[in-house]
Protein backbone atom coordinates (compact mmCIF):
# COMPACT_ATOMS: atom_id res chain seq x y z
CA MET A 1 -78.86 2.81 -37.32
CA PHE A 2 -76.44 0.32 -35.76
CA TRP A 3 -77.34 -2.39 -38.24
CA ILE A 4 -77.14 0.02 -41.18
CA ILE A 5 -73.63 1.08 -40.17
CA CYS A 6 -72.52 -2.53 -39.68
CA ALA A 7 -73.95 -3.62 -43.03
CA ALA A 8 -72.42 -0.68 -44.90
CA THR A 9 -69.02 -1.28 -43.29
CA THR A 10 -69.15 -4.98 -44.15
CA ILE A 11 -70.06 -4.28 -47.79
CA VAL A 12 -67.31 -1.69 -48.23
CA VAL A 13 -64.64 -3.91 -46.70
CA GLY A 14 -65.87 -6.93 -48.64
CA LEU A 15 -65.76 -5.08 -51.96
CA ALA A 16 -62.26 -3.81 -51.19
CA ILE A 17 -61.10 -7.39 -50.62
CA ILE A 18 -62.96 -9.03 -53.50
CA ALA A 19 -62.36 -6.46 -56.25
CA PRO A 20 -58.71 -7.41 -56.89
CA LEU A 21 -59.66 -11.08 -56.93
CA LEU A 22 -62.47 -10.54 -59.43
CA ARG A 23 -60.09 -8.65 -61.70
CA GLY A 24 -57.56 -11.06 -60.48
CA GLY A 25 -55.54 -13.64 -62.23
CA ARG A 26 -55.20 -11.88 -65.57
CA MET A 27 -54.38 -8.46 -64.14
CA ALA A 28 -52.01 -10.01 -61.62
CA ALA A 29 -50.15 -12.42 -63.91
CA GLU A 30 -50.44 -11.00 -67.44
CA PRO A 31 -48.14 -7.99 -67.02
CA THR A 32 -45.35 -10.16 -65.64
CA ALA A 33 -45.65 -12.86 -68.33
CA ALA A 34 -45.97 -10.31 -71.14
CA PHE A 35 -42.98 -8.40 -69.85
CA ASP A 36 -40.94 -11.61 -69.71
CA LEU A 37 -41.88 -12.41 -73.34
CA ARG A 38 -40.72 -9.02 -74.51
CA VAL A 39 -37.43 -9.41 -72.66
CA TYR A 40 -36.81 -12.88 -74.11
CA ARG A 41 -37.61 -11.73 -77.66
CA ASP A 42 -35.21 -8.84 -77.29
CA GLN A 43 -32.59 -11.32 -76.07
CA LEU A 44 -33.12 -13.46 -79.21
CA LYS A 45 -32.64 -10.39 -81.42
CA GLU A 46 -29.50 -9.52 -79.46
CA VAL A 47 -28.15 -13.03 -80.05
CA GLU A 48 -28.72 -12.66 -83.83
CA ARG A 49 -26.96 -9.27 -83.85
CA ASP A 50 -23.99 -10.65 -81.90
CA LEU A 51 -23.78 -13.59 -84.35
CA ASP A 52 -23.84 -11.25 -87.38
CA ARG A 53 -21.05 -9.12 -85.86
CA GLY A 54 -18.99 -12.23 -85.11
CA VAL A 55 -19.04 -11.60 -81.37
CA ILE A 56 -20.23 -15.13 -80.61
CA ALA A 57 -19.72 -18.45 -82.38
CA PRO A 58 -22.60 -20.23 -84.17
CA GLU A 59 -22.51 -23.01 -81.52
CA GLU A 60 -22.90 -20.50 -78.70
CA ALA A 61 -25.69 -18.76 -80.60
CA ALA A 62 -27.54 -22.09 -80.98
CA ARG A 63 -27.20 -22.83 -77.27
CA LEU A 64 -28.53 -19.38 -76.32
CA ARG A 65 -31.45 -19.71 -78.75
CA THR A 66 -32.40 -23.02 -77.12
CA GLU A 67 -32.17 -21.65 -73.58
CA ILE A 68 -34.11 -18.49 -74.37
CA GLY A 69 -36.66 -20.51 -76.33
CA ARG A 70 -37.46 -22.58 -73.24
CA LYS A 71 -38.01 -19.38 -71.28
CA VAL A 72 -40.28 -18.03 -74.03
CA LEU A 73 -42.39 -21.19 -73.93
CA ASP A 74 -42.69 -20.98 -70.13
CA ALA A 75 -43.74 -17.33 -70.24
CA ASP A 76 -46.23 -18.06 -73.01
CA ARG A 77 -47.71 -20.89 -70.94
CA ARG A 78 -48.08 -18.61 -67.91
CA LEU A 79 -49.69 -15.96 -70.05
CA SER A 80 -52.20 -18.48 -71.43
CA GLN A 81 -53.07 -19.73 -67.95
CA ALA A 82 -53.55 -16.17 -66.73
CA GLY A 83 -55.95 -15.54 -69.57
CA THR A 84 -58.08 -18.61 -68.90
CA GLY A 85 -57.23 -19.44 -65.23
CA GLY A 86 -59.61 -19.30 -62.27
CA ALA A 87 -59.96 -15.63 -61.38
CA GLY A 88 -63.69 -16.15 -61.18
CA GLY A 89 -63.19 -19.21 -59.01
CA ARG A 90 -61.01 -17.30 -56.59
CA GLY A 91 -63.54 -14.48 -56.50
CA LEU A 92 -66.38 -16.86 -55.72
CA LEU A 93 -64.27 -18.51 -53.02
CA ALA A 94 -63.56 -15.12 -51.46
CA LEU A 95 -67.25 -14.23 -51.59
CA SER A 96 -68.14 -17.50 -49.91
CA LEU A 97 -65.58 -16.98 -47.15
CA LEU A 98 -66.77 -13.44 -46.48
CA ALA A 99 -70.39 -14.59 -46.39
CA LEU A 100 -69.44 -17.33 -43.94
CA LEU A 101 -67.56 -14.89 -41.72
CA PHE A 102 -70.45 -12.43 -41.76
CA ALA A 103 -72.94 -15.16 -40.88
CA GLY A 104 -70.72 -16.37 -38.04
CA ALA A 105 -70.31 -12.85 -36.67
CA ALA A 106 -74.06 -12.25 -36.84
CA ALA A 107 -74.77 -15.55 -35.07
CA LEU A 108 -72.22 -14.76 -32.35
CA TYR A 109 -73.69 -11.32 -31.77
CA TRP A 110 -77.21 -12.73 -31.73
CA ARG A 111 -76.16 -15.20 -29.05
CA GLU A 112 -73.85 -13.06 -26.90
CA GLY A 113 -75.07 -9.55 -27.66
CA GLN A 114 -78.35 -7.76 -27.10
CA PRO A 115 -79.68 -6.97 -30.59
CA GLY A 116 -83.03 -5.79 -29.29
CA ARG A 117 -81.66 -3.47 -26.64
CA ASP A 118 -82.38 0.22 -27.09
CA ASP A 119 -79.70 2.89 -27.09
CA LEU A 120 -78.79 3.97 -23.56
CA PRO A 121 -78.37 7.75 -23.32
CA ILE A 122 -76.23 9.12 -20.53
CA ALA A 123 -79.24 10.52 -18.66
CA ARG A 124 -80.85 7.09 -18.58
CA ARG A 125 -77.60 5.47 -17.44
CA ILE A 126 -77.35 7.92 -14.55
CA ALA A 127 -80.97 7.28 -13.64
CA GLU A 128 -80.40 3.51 -13.63
CA ALA A 129 -77.25 3.95 -11.54
CA ARG A 130 -79.28 5.98 -9.06
CA GLN A 131 -81.86 3.22 -8.93
CA VAL A 132 -79.17 0.64 -8.17
CA TYR A 133 -77.80 2.92 -5.45
CA ASP A 134 -81.23 3.43 -3.85
CA ASN A 135 -82.08 -0.28 -3.93
CA ARG A 136 -78.97 -1.60 -2.17
CA PRO A 137 -79.62 -4.26 0.47
CA SER A 138 -79.21 -3.43 4.12
CA GLN A 139 -76.19 -4.54 6.11
CA ALA A 140 -78.10 -7.46 7.62
CA GLU A 141 -79.40 -8.59 4.22
CA ALA A 142 -75.97 -8.32 2.60
CA GLU A 143 -74.31 -10.26 5.39
CA ALA A 144 -76.95 -12.98 5.12
CA ARG A 145 -76.24 -13.31 1.37
CA ALA A 146 -72.45 -13.07 1.64
CA PRO A 147 -70.42 -16.25 1.14
CA ALA A 148 -68.93 -17.78 4.24
CA PRO A 149 -65.45 -16.37 4.91
CA VAL A 150 -62.41 -18.56 4.63
CA VAL A 151 -61.44 -19.62 8.14
CA PRO A 152 -57.70 -20.26 8.48
CA GLU A 153 -56.29 -22.99 10.63
CA VAL A 154 -55.46 -21.64 14.08
CA PRO A 155 -52.90 -23.14 16.47
CA GLU A 156 -54.42 -24.33 19.70
CA ASP A 157 -52.37 -21.97 21.84
CA PHE A 158 -53.44 -18.97 19.75
CA ALA A 159 -57.10 -20.05 19.90
CA ALA A 160 -56.79 -20.32 23.68
CA LEU A 161 -55.40 -16.79 23.86
CA ILE A 162 -58.28 -15.47 21.76
CA GLY A 163 -60.72 -17.21 24.08
CA GLN A 164 -59.13 -15.50 27.05
CA LEU A 165 -59.27 -12.17 25.20
CA ARG A 166 -62.99 -12.61 24.55
CA GLU A 167 -63.62 -13.37 28.20
CA ALA A 168 -61.62 -10.33 29.27
CA VAL A 169 -63.55 -8.04 26.92
CA ALA A 170 -66.85 -9.49 28.09
CA LYS A 171 -65.89 -8.72 31.70
CA ASN A 172 -64.65 -5.23 30.84
CA PRO A 173 -66.68 -4.07 27.81
CA ASP A 174 -65.59 -0.45 28.22
CA ASP A 175 -61.89 -1.16 27.64
CA PRO A 176 -61.06 0.45 24.26
CA GLN A 177 -57.70 -1.28 23.96
CA GLY A 178 -59.29 -4.68 24.54
CA LEU A 179 -61.99 -4.01 21.93
CA ALA A 180 -59.43 -2.87 19.36
CA LEU A 181 -57.29 -5.92 20.02
CA LEU A 182 -60.31 -8.21 19.79
CA ALA A 183 -61.38 -6.72 16.46
CA THR A 184 -57.90 -7.24 15.04
CA ASN A 185 -57.69 -10.86 16.11
CA GLU A 186 -61.21 -11.74 15.05
CA ILE A 187 -60.19 -10.65 11.55
CA ARG A 188 -57.26 -13.04 11.64
CA LEU A 189 -59.61 -15.84 12.59
CA GLY A 190 -61.97 -15.03 9.72
CA ASN A 191 -64.75 -13.97 12.13
CA LEU A 192 -65.71 -10.85 10.19
CA ALA A 193 -69.05 -10.32 11.91
CA ALA A 194 -67.42 -10.62 15.34
CA ALA A 195 -64.67 -8.22 14.30
CA ARG A 196 -67.27 -5.78 13.01
CA ASP A 197 -69.21 -6.00 16.28
CA ALA A 198 -66.08 -5.34 18.35
CA GLN A 199 -65.12 -2.34 16.25
CA ALA A 200 -68.68 -0.99 16.38
CA ARG A 201 -68.62 -1.20 20.17
CA LEU A 202 -65.28 0.61 20.19
CA VAL A 203 -66.65 3.42 18.00
CA ALA A 204 -69.77 3.69 20.16
CA LEU A 205 -67.62 3.78 23.31
CA ARG A 206 -65.49 6.63 21.97
CA GLY A 207 -68.52 8.52 20.64
CA ASP A 208 -67.60 11.88 19.14
CA ASP A 209 -63.97 11.23 20.01
CA ALA A 210 -63.80 8.31 17.60
CA SER A 211 -61.14 9.09 15.02
CA ALA A 212 -61.52 8.92 11.28
CA GLY A 213 -59.33 5.82 11.37
CA ASP A 214 -61.72 4.13 13.84
CA LEU A 215 -64.66 4.88 11.58
CA VAL A 216 -62.91 3.80 8.40
CA ARG A 217 -61.92 0.54 10.02
CA LEU A 218 -65.51 -0.07 11.08
CA SER A 219 -66.77 0.72 7.58
CA ALA A 220 -64.18 -1.60 6.03
CA LEU A 221 -65.17 -4.43 8.38
CA MET A 222 -68.84 -3.91 7.54
CA ILE A 223 -67.95 -4.11 3.85
CA GLU A 224 -65.92 -7.29 4.38
CA ALA A 225 -68.75 -8.89 6.35
CA ALA A 226 -71.20 -7.94 3.58
CA GLY A 227 -69.15 -9.77 0.98
CA GLY A 228 -67.56 -6.62 -0.43
CA LEU A 229 -70.80 -4.66 -0.88
CA ILE A 230 -70.90 -1.12 0.52
CA THR A 231 -74.31 -1.00 2.16
CA PRO A 232 -76.15 2.16 3.23
CA GLU A 233 -75.04 1.56 6.82
CA ALA A 234 -71.39 1.15 5.82
CA GLU A 235 -71.65 4.27 3.66
CA ALA A 236 -73.04 6.26 6.60
CA VAL A 237 -70.02 5.31 8.70
CA LEU A 238 -67.74 6.17 5.79
CA VAL A 239 -69.34 9.60 5.46
CA ARG A 240 -68.72 10.22 9.17
CA ALA A 241 -65.06 9.37 8.67
CA LEU A 242 -64.73 11.71 5.69
CA THR A 243 -66.44 14.45 7.66
CA LYS A 244 -63.75 14.15 10.31
CA ASP A 245 -60.91 13.80 7.78
CA PRO A 246 -61.81 14.56 4.12
CA ALA A 247 -58.27 13.60 3.05
CA HIS A 248 -58.24 10.17 4.68
CA PRO A 249 -56.85 7.96 1.89
CA GLN A 250 -58.52 4.67 2.78
CA ALA A 251 -61.88 6.40 3.18
CA ARG A 252 -61.48 7.98 -0.26
CA TYR A 253 -60.57 4.62 -1.74
CA LEU A 254 -63.75 3.09 -0.34
CA LEU A 255 -65.73 6.07 -1.61
CA GLY A 256 -64.39 5.40 -5.10
CA MET A 257 -65.34 1.75 -4.70
CA LEU A 258 -68.87 2.83 -3.76
CA GLN A 259 -69.14 4.82 -7.00
CA LEU A 260 -67.91 1.84 -9.00
CA GLN A 261 -70.41 -0.51 -7.40
CA ASN A 262 -73.18 1.85 -8.43
CA ASP A 263 -72.00 2.20 -12.05
CA ARG A 264 -70.54 5.69 -11.77
CA PRO A 265 -66.99 5.40 -13.13
CA ASP A 266 -67.09 9.12 -13.93
CA ARG A 267 -67.18 9.81 -10.19
CA ALA A 268 -64.81 7.02 -9.15
CA PHE A 269 -62.05 7.95 -11.58
CA PRO A 270 -61.09 11.39 -10.14
CA ILE A 271 -61.05 9.95 -6.61
CA TRP A 272 -58.78 7.04 -7.46
CA ARG A 273 -56.66 9.16 -9.77
CA SER A 274 -55.88 11.54 -6.91
CA LEU A 275 -55.01 8.65 -4.60
CA LEU A 276 -52.72 7.11 -7.20
CA GLU A 277 -50.92 10.39 -7.80
CA GLU A 278 -50.53 11.07 -4.08
CA GLY A 279 -49.18 7.62 -3.14
CA PRO A 280 -47.39 6.23 -1.26
CA GLU A 281 -46.68 3.33 -3.57
CA ASP A 282 -46.71 0.76 -0.77
CA ALA A 283 -50.18 1.75 0.47
CA PRO A 284 -52.60 -1.20 0.32
CA TRP A 285 -55.01 0.61 -2.01
CA ILE A 286 -52.42 1.55 -4.66
CA ALA A 287 -52.03 -1.92 -6.19
CA PRO A 288 -55.76 -2.44 -6.95
CA ILE A 289 -56.03 1.12 -8.24
CA ARG A 290 -53.09 0.60 -10.61
CA THR A 291 -54.70 -2.58 -11.89
CA ALA A 292 -58.03 -0.91 -12.66
CA ILE A 293 -57.15 2.71 -13.48
CA ALA A 294 -56.68 2.27 -17.25
CA ASP A 295 -60.09 0.65 -17.74
CA LEU A 296 -61.64 3.08 -15.29
CA ALA A 297 -60.24 6.05 -17.21
CA TRP A 298 -61.68 4.68 -20.44
CA LEU A 299 -65.12 4.19 -18.85
CA ALA A 300 -64.93 7.71 -17.42
CA GLY A 301 -64.32 9.18 -20.87
CA GLN A 302 -60.59 9.82 -20.48
CA PRO A 303 -58.93 7.13 -22.61
CA ASP A 304 -55.72 9.15 -22.99
CA TYR A 305 -54.97 9.13 -19.27
CA VAL A 306 -51.47 7.89 -18.43
CA PRO A 307 -50.99 6.82 -14.79
CA PRO A 308 -47.96 8.22 -12.97
CA ALA A 309 -44.84 6.16 -12.46
CA PRO A 310 -44.59 4.39 -9.10
CA LEU A 311 -43.57 6.74 -6.31
CA PRO A 312 -40.54 5.81 -4.20
CA GLY A 313 -42.15 6.19 -0.81
CA PRO A 314 -44.66 8.01 1.41
CA ASP A 315 -45.51 11.56 0.42
CA ALA A 316 -45.28 14.54 2.74
CA ASN A 317 -49.02 14.67 3.50
CA ALA A 318 -49.15 11.01 4.53
CA MET A 319 -46.07 11.42 6.73
CA ALA A 320 -47.53 14.54 8.35
CA ALA A 321 -50.84 12.78 9.02
CA ALA A 322 -49.03 9.88 10.65
CA GLU A 323 -46.93 12.24 12.78
CA ASP A 324 -50.10 13.87 14.14
CA MET A 325 -51.31 10.51 15.47
CA SER A 326 -50.44 9.08 18.82
CA PRO A 327 -48.28 5.93 18.80
CA GLU A 328 -51.35 3.88 19.70
CA GLU A 329 -53.38 5.38 16.84
CA ARG A 330 -50.57 4.81 14.36
CA GLN A 331 -50.21 1.22 15.47
CA GLN A 332 -53.95 0.64 15.21
CA MET A 333 -54.09 2.22 11.77
CA ILE A 334 -51.24 0.10 10.47
CA ALA A 335 -52.57 -3.07 12.11
CA GLY A 336 -55.99 -2.43 10.61
CA MET A 337 -54.62 -2.04 7.11
CA VAL A 338 -52.48 -5.14 7.48
CA SER A 339 -55.44 -7.13 8.78
CA GLN A 340 -57.62 -6.03 5.90
CA LEU A 341 -54.92 -6.99 3.42
CA GLU A 342 -54.56 -10.38 5.05
CA ALA A 343 -58.32 -10.97 5.05
CA ARG A 344 -58.57 -10.08 1.36
CA LEU A 345 -55.67 -12.36 0.41
CA ALA A 346 -57.19 -15.21 2.42
CA ARG A 347 -60.57 -14.75 0.74
CA GLN A 348 -59.67 -13.76 -2.82
CA GLY A 349 -55.99 -14.49 -3.25
CA GLY A 350 -53.62 -11.90 -4.66
CA THR A 351 -50.36 -11.17 -6.43
CA ALA A 352 -46.94 -12.18 -5.18
CA GLU A 353 -46.20 -8.50 -4.52
CA GLU A 354 -49.19 -8.30 -2.17
CA TRP A 355 -48.09 -11.41 -0.28
CA ALA A 356 -44.60 -9.93 0.00
CA ARG A 357 -46.06 -6.69 1.32
CA LEU A 358 -48.11 -8.59 3.90
CA ILE A 359 -45.04 -10.44 5.19
CA SER A 360 -43.03 -7.21 5.45
CA SER A 361 -45.89 -5.39 7.16
CA LEU A 362 -46.44 -8.13 9.73
CA VAL A 363 -42.77 -7.99 10.69
CA VAL A 364 -42.91 -4.19 10.94
CA ILE A 365 -45.80 -4.32 13.41
CA GLY A 366 -43.96 -6.95 15.45
CA ASN A 367 -45.95 -10.03 14.44
CA THR A 368 -42.97 -12.04 13.24
CA ASP A 369 -44.39 -15.44 14.09
CA HIS A 370 -47.50 -14.83 12.03
CA ALA A 371 -45.34 -13.48 9.20
CA ARG A 372 -43.49 -16.78 9.25
CA ASP A 373 -46.83 -18.62 8.95
CA ILE A 374 -47.75 -16.45 5.95
CA TRP A 375 -44.37 -17.21 4.35
CA THR A 376 -45.03 -20.94 4.79
CA GLU A 377 -48.46 -20.59 3.19
CA ALA A 378 -47.02 -18.53 0.33
CA GLN A 379 -44.50 -21.26 -0.46
CA THR A 380 -47.37 -23.68 -1.02
CA ARG A 381 -49.49 -21.20 -2.95
CA PHE A 382 -46.72 -20.15 -5.35
CA ALA A 383 -44.91 -23.49 -5.60
CA SER A 384 -45.73 -23.76 -9.32
CA GLN A 385 -44.74 -20.12 -10.04
CA PRO A 386 -40.97 -19.78 -9.51
CA GLU A 387 -40.81 -16.07 -10.36
CA ALA A 388 -43.69 -15.19 -8.04
CA LEU A 389 -42.22 -17.34 -5.27
CA ASP A 390 -38.89 -15.56 -5.67
CA THR A 391 -40.63 -12.21 -5.14
CA VAL A 392 -42.14 -13.41 -1.86
CA ARG A 393 -38.86 -15.07 -0.82
CA GLN A 394 -37.01 -11.75 -1.21
CA ALA A 395 -39.47 -10.14 1.20
CA ALA A 396 -39.01 -13.02 3.64
CA VAL A 397 -35.21 -12.67 3.41
CA GLN A 398 -35.38 -8.92 4.03
CA ALA A 399 -37.67 -9.55 6.98
CA GLY A 400 -35.21 -12.02 8.48
CA LEU A 401 -37.48 -15.02 8.10
CA VAL A 402 -35.12 -16.82 5.71
CA PRO A 403 -31.37 -17.00 6.37
């Protein structure tokens, strides 16, 4: 059926293009030349009438006859060429070009497409998506396959402090604050597996008292360590977080990502759509959602979806959720999001807006020195992009890093 439709469409379009050319030169040129001849002959008759009435002198009449005569000869020549000229040649040329285009398109499809592939009904697509979901690798397998993380250069004094922190945590493994701090700093060093282990120990230590934020952070670290893949183990932790807080925005973002990874855009779209409409605009998950939401809507069968305009700031629900947290929990939540943003930018790169957001966020959480390091790195990264560099510079100026 596909090939029949393509062939019929090609034939109809080709005939619509060729038909005027096959009728071509004569029908296109003859009416104009014939009309010109009639006009010029009428002008000659008008000259004779004006001469008989004495309106013009014989010399003027002779000059007009000569001028009009040249125009008559030119029109007659054009009319003769239209009658004998290459309409057929132009038609054959058009046919050849269309045949060449069709052959090229067929060759391209044969090379890049899948001409022998059967139609894929929705039920079969869902079944295949389920098979992909069921056959995901384990956390250990995914981490073994994941590319090595990008390890940033670390000042010696900072590395010494991290070494002391590791020793302190090893001596006092039941210190939740030490474990949380270790997880955060291992992320900065690019030690994703170590950060994941520290966060897992923190969650195990807190047991049922572990917050949704603790669980989401653990799930996010497991995903990072697995190279971005949401494994069954990471999903289980994510489900625990959503059980504690079904409205947790980062958990919902990761849930949408899980649906995307398993070829279910129809399930991912409503999740990400709600997050985008809720905001806040400066949340780390909003930028990637905005980038993907149009394509995601189309894949989900809603091509007419129009994303909302950027919101000016945090919404009431997000502010209320933050107010219910203790200062320590809020700080940990913010630090975790900032660390994840930094890890993603170090591994994958990002837009100037994301680098600007990272600088601003680091200053907000009191890590001004590290923000200054990020600003230095951004200057190198965006040196060839003046507009992007200006965006990051504005953030650095607002943060007090640039006078």
